[in-house]
Amino acid sequence: MARPSAAKQGLGLAGWLLASFAAAGMGGLASVNAAGFYGDLVRPPWAPPAWLFGPVWSVLFLLMAALFRSPLDSAMCVLALPLATVGGVAALQLLNLVSFQPLDLLTMIGFIILLGLVVNNAILLVHQARSAERGGMGRREAVEQALQTRLRPIFMTTLTSIFGMLPLVLLPGAG
């Protein structure tokens, strides 16, 4: 059997198998329609490989553990990243209900800024709470005191970032 054109269009082994099954005559049960340019069908060359995220998170965790001198404090800060990612994706989906926002370079930069902001806020809260605990407060009182002390600066930096990037979100496109 001749190789279908899916291999020429950059779909790889999975695309070739699907196109082979469709070409073999599945009785109309399956069909493959692949169109576009080769560059659109494969991962862009600047995109990092998926396996790179594990080592990056490990380095981040180890660096923060060295700075905090506590792996537990570092884990609390790093665990804020998946929550921020889920929140960012949900906000992007909500925005797409109103106006389309592509997942382009500016959106990815926005996600990086979001993750940095969330980790910074977590670091501020954990550091303030641990400092209060070292001063003799109980854990619950230390967390309450950290929130009272750091909540206003956290809101100020977050709102500054949101309002600074709002024109990029509401009016996507070139300059």
Protein backbone atom coordinates (compact mmCIF):
# COMPACT_ATOMS: atom_id res chain seq x y z
CA MET A 1 0.00 0.00 0.00
CA ALA A 2 1.32 3.45 -0.85
CA ARG A 3 1.90 5.85 1.98
CA PRO A 4 -0.89 8.41 2.19
CA SER A 5 -0.13 12.08 1.91
CA ALA A 6 -0.43 12.53 5.71
CA ALA A 7 3.25 11.69 6.10
CA LYS A 8 4.15 14.41 3.63
CA GLN A 9 2.12 16.91 5.63
CA GLY A 10 4.10 16.34 8.81
CA LEU A 11 1.58 14.35 10.83
CA GLY A 12 4.10 11.74 11.88
CA LEU A 13 3.41 8.11 12.69
CA ALA A 14 -0.01 8.62 14.28
CA GLY A 15 -1.24 10.64 11.31
CA TRP A 16 0.18 8.09 8.90
CA LEU A 17 -1.60 5.24 10.72
CA LEU A 18 -4.93 7.09 10.73
CA ALA A 19 -4.58 7.95 7.07
CA SER A 20 -3.64 4.32 6.31
CA PHE A 21 -6.76 3.02 8.04
CA ALA A 22 -8.89 5.57 6.21
CA ALA A 23 -7.26 4.67 2.89
CA ALA A 24 -7.77 0.95 3.55
CA GLY A 25 -11.49 1.50 3.35
CA MET A 26 -13.00 1.52 6.80
CA GLY A 27 -16.40 1.64 5.15
CA GLY A 28 -16.88 5.32 5.86
CA LEU A 29 -16.35 4.84 9.59
CA ALA A 30 -13.24 6.98 9.68
CA SER A 31 -11.75 9.76 7.66
CA VAL A 32 -8.72 11.97 7.93
CA ASN A 33 -8.64 15.53 6.67
CA ALA A 34 -5.28 17.13 7.24
CA ALA A 35 -4.48 20.42 5.64
CA GLY A 36 -2.13 23.26 6.23
CA PHE A 37 1.51 24.06 6.09
CA TYR A 38 4.17 21.84 7.58
CA GLY A 39 5.11 24.50 10.13
CA ASP A 40 1.54 24.61 11.41
CA LEU A 41 1.32 20.85 11.91
CA VAL A 42 4.45 20.31 13.98
CA ARG A 43 5.69 21.82 17.22
CA PRO A 44 7.41 25.15 16.64
CA PRO A 45 11.20 25.02 17.05
CA TRP A 46 11.21 27.58 19.89
CA ALA A 47 8.75 25.60 22.03
CA PRO A 48 10.51 23.79 24.90
CA PRO A 49 10.22 20.02 25.06
CA ALA A 50 7.69 18.71 27.58
CA TRP A 51 10.30 16.76 29.56
CA LEU A 52 12.04 20.04 30.44
CA PHE A 53 9.35 21.13 32.91
CA GLY A 54 10.28 18.49 35.50
CA PRO A 55 13.92 19.58 35.83
CA VAL A 56 12.93 23.25 35.82
CA TRP A 57 10.48 22.70 38.68
CA SER A 58 13.12 20.68 40.54
CA VAL A 59 15.69 23.47 40.22
CA LEU A 60 13.09 26.01 41.35
CA PHE A 61 12.18 23.84 44.33
CA LEU A 62 15.82 23.28 45.32
CA LEU A 63 16.68 26.97 44.95
CA MET A 64 13.75 28.04 47.10
CA ALA A 65 14.49 25.30 49.64
CA ALA A 66 18.04 26.62 49.94
CA LEU A 67 16.80 30.19 50.36
CA PHE A 68 14.09 29.29 52.89
CA ARG A 69 16.22 26.57 54.52
CA SER A 70 13.06 24.48 54.54
CA PRO A 71 11.73 22.10 51.88
CA LEU A 72 8.21 22.44 53.32
CA ASP A 73 8.16 26.21 52.80
CA SER A 74 9.52 25.74 49.31
CA ALA A 75 6.83 23.15 48.53
CA MET A 76 4.10 25.54 49.68
CA CYS A 77 5.34 28.19 47.28
CA VAL A 78 5.86 25.81 44.35
CA LEU A 79 2.40 24.27 44.80
CA ALA A 80 0.91 27.67 44.02
CA LEU A 81 2.09 27.28 40.40
CA PRO A 82 -0.43 24.63 39.26
CA LEU A 83 -3.25 26.59 40.87
CA ALA A 84 -2.16 29.74 39.04
CA THR A 85 -1.94 27.82 35.77
CA VAL A 86 -5.46 26.43 36.16
CA GLY A 87 -6.76 29.89 37.04
CA GLY A 88 -5.00 31.45 34.05
CA VAL A 89 -6.35 28.86 31.63
CA ALA A 90 -9.86 29.27 33.06
CA ALA A 91 -9.63 33.06 32.74
CA LEU A 92 -8.42 32.67 29.15
CA GLN A 93 -11.37 30.41 28.37
CA LEU A 94 -13.78 32.93 29.91
CA LEU A 95 -12.17 35.70 27.87
CA ASN A 96 -12.58 33.62 24.72
CA LEU A 97 -16.35 33.63 25.31
CA VAL A 98 -16.33 37.42 24.86
CA SER A 99 -13.47 38.03 22.42
CA PHE A 100 -10.93 35.66 20.92
CA GLN A 101 -7.50 35.70 22.56
CA PRO A 102 -5.03 33.41 20.77
CA LEU A 103 -2.38 31.53 22.69
CA ASP A 104 0.38 33.57 21.09
CA LEU A 105 3.68 34.91 22.38
CA LEU A 106 2.10 37.79 24.32
CA THR A 107 -0.30 35.40 26.04
CA MET A 108 2.58 33.12 27.02
CA ILE A 109 4.49 36.10 28.39
CA GLY A 110 1.36 36.96 30.37
CA PHE A 111 1.33 33.45 31.83
CA ILE A 112 4.97 33.78 32.84
CA ILE A 113 4.21 37.10 34.53
CA LEU A 114 1.21 35.50 36.26
CA LEU A 115 3.30 32.62 37.58
CA GLY A 116 6.01 35.00 38.78
CA LEU A 117 3.45 37.17 40.55
CA VAL A 118 1.81 34.19 42.25
CA VAL A 119 5.14 32.74 43.42
CA ASN A 120 6.23 36.16 44.68
CA ASN A 121 3.00 36.51 46.69
CA ALA A 122 3.42 33.03 48.14
CA ILE A 123 7.02 33.79 49.10
CA LEU A 124 5.95 37.01 50.84
CA LEU A 125 3.25 35.25 52.85
CA VAL A 126 5.38 32.26 53.82
CA HIS A 127 8.33 34.45 54.83
CA GLN A 128 6.15 36.77 56.92
CA ALA A 129 4.40 33.84 58.63
CA ARG A 130 7.69 32.06 59.41
CA SER A 131 9.20 35.27 60.78
CA ALA A 132 6.22 35.72 63.09
CA GLU A 133 6.50 32.08 64.20
CA ARG A 134 10.16 32.59 65.06
CA GLY A 135 9.04 35.60 67.09
CA GLY A 136 6.98 33.34 69.34
CA MET A 137 3.51 33.38 67.74
CA GLY A 138 1.45 30.28 67.11
CA ARG A 139 1.05 29.10 63.53
CA ARG A 140 -2.56 30.27 63.12
CA GLU A 141 -1.84 33.70 64.60
CA ALA A 142 1.31 34.00 62.47
CA VAL A 143 -0.64 33.27 59.29
CA GLU A 144 -3.36 35.76 60.26
CA GLN A 145 -0.73 38.40 61.03
CA ALA A 146 1.05 37.68 57.72
CA LEU A 147 -2.20 38.13 55.83
CA GLN A 148 -2.99 41.37 57.63
CA THR A 149 0.50 42.70 56.99
CA ARG A 150 1.07 41.54 53.42
CA LEU A 151 -2.41 41.48 51.85
CA ARG A 152 -2.44 45.17 50.91
CA PRO A 153 0.96 45.09 49.12
CA ILE A 154 -0.08 41.87 47.37
CA PHE A 155 -3.29 43.47 46.11
CA MET A 156 -1.38 46.57 45.03
CA THR A 157 1.16 44.64 42.93
CA THR A 158 -1.51 42.33 41.51
CA LEU A 159 -3.84 45.17 40.50
CA THR A 160 -0.93 47.15 39.04
CA SER A 161 0.01 44.16 36.90
CA ILE A 162 -3.60 43.52 35.85
CA PHE A 163 -4.32 47.11 34.88
CA GLY A 164 -0.94 47.43 33.18
CA MET A 165 -1.64 44.43 30.97
CA LEU A 166 -5.34 45.06 30.45
CA PRO A 167 -4.87 46.88 27.11
CA LEU A 168 -2.93 43.89 25.76
CA VAL A 169 -5.76 41.55 26.80
CA LEU A 170 -8.70 43.63 25.61
CA LEU A 171 -7.14 44.79 22.33
CA PRO A 172 -5.06 41.85 21.01
CA GLY A 173 -3.13 42.18 17.83
CA ALA A 174 -0.20 44.07 16.44
CA GLY A 175 0.94 47.20 18.26
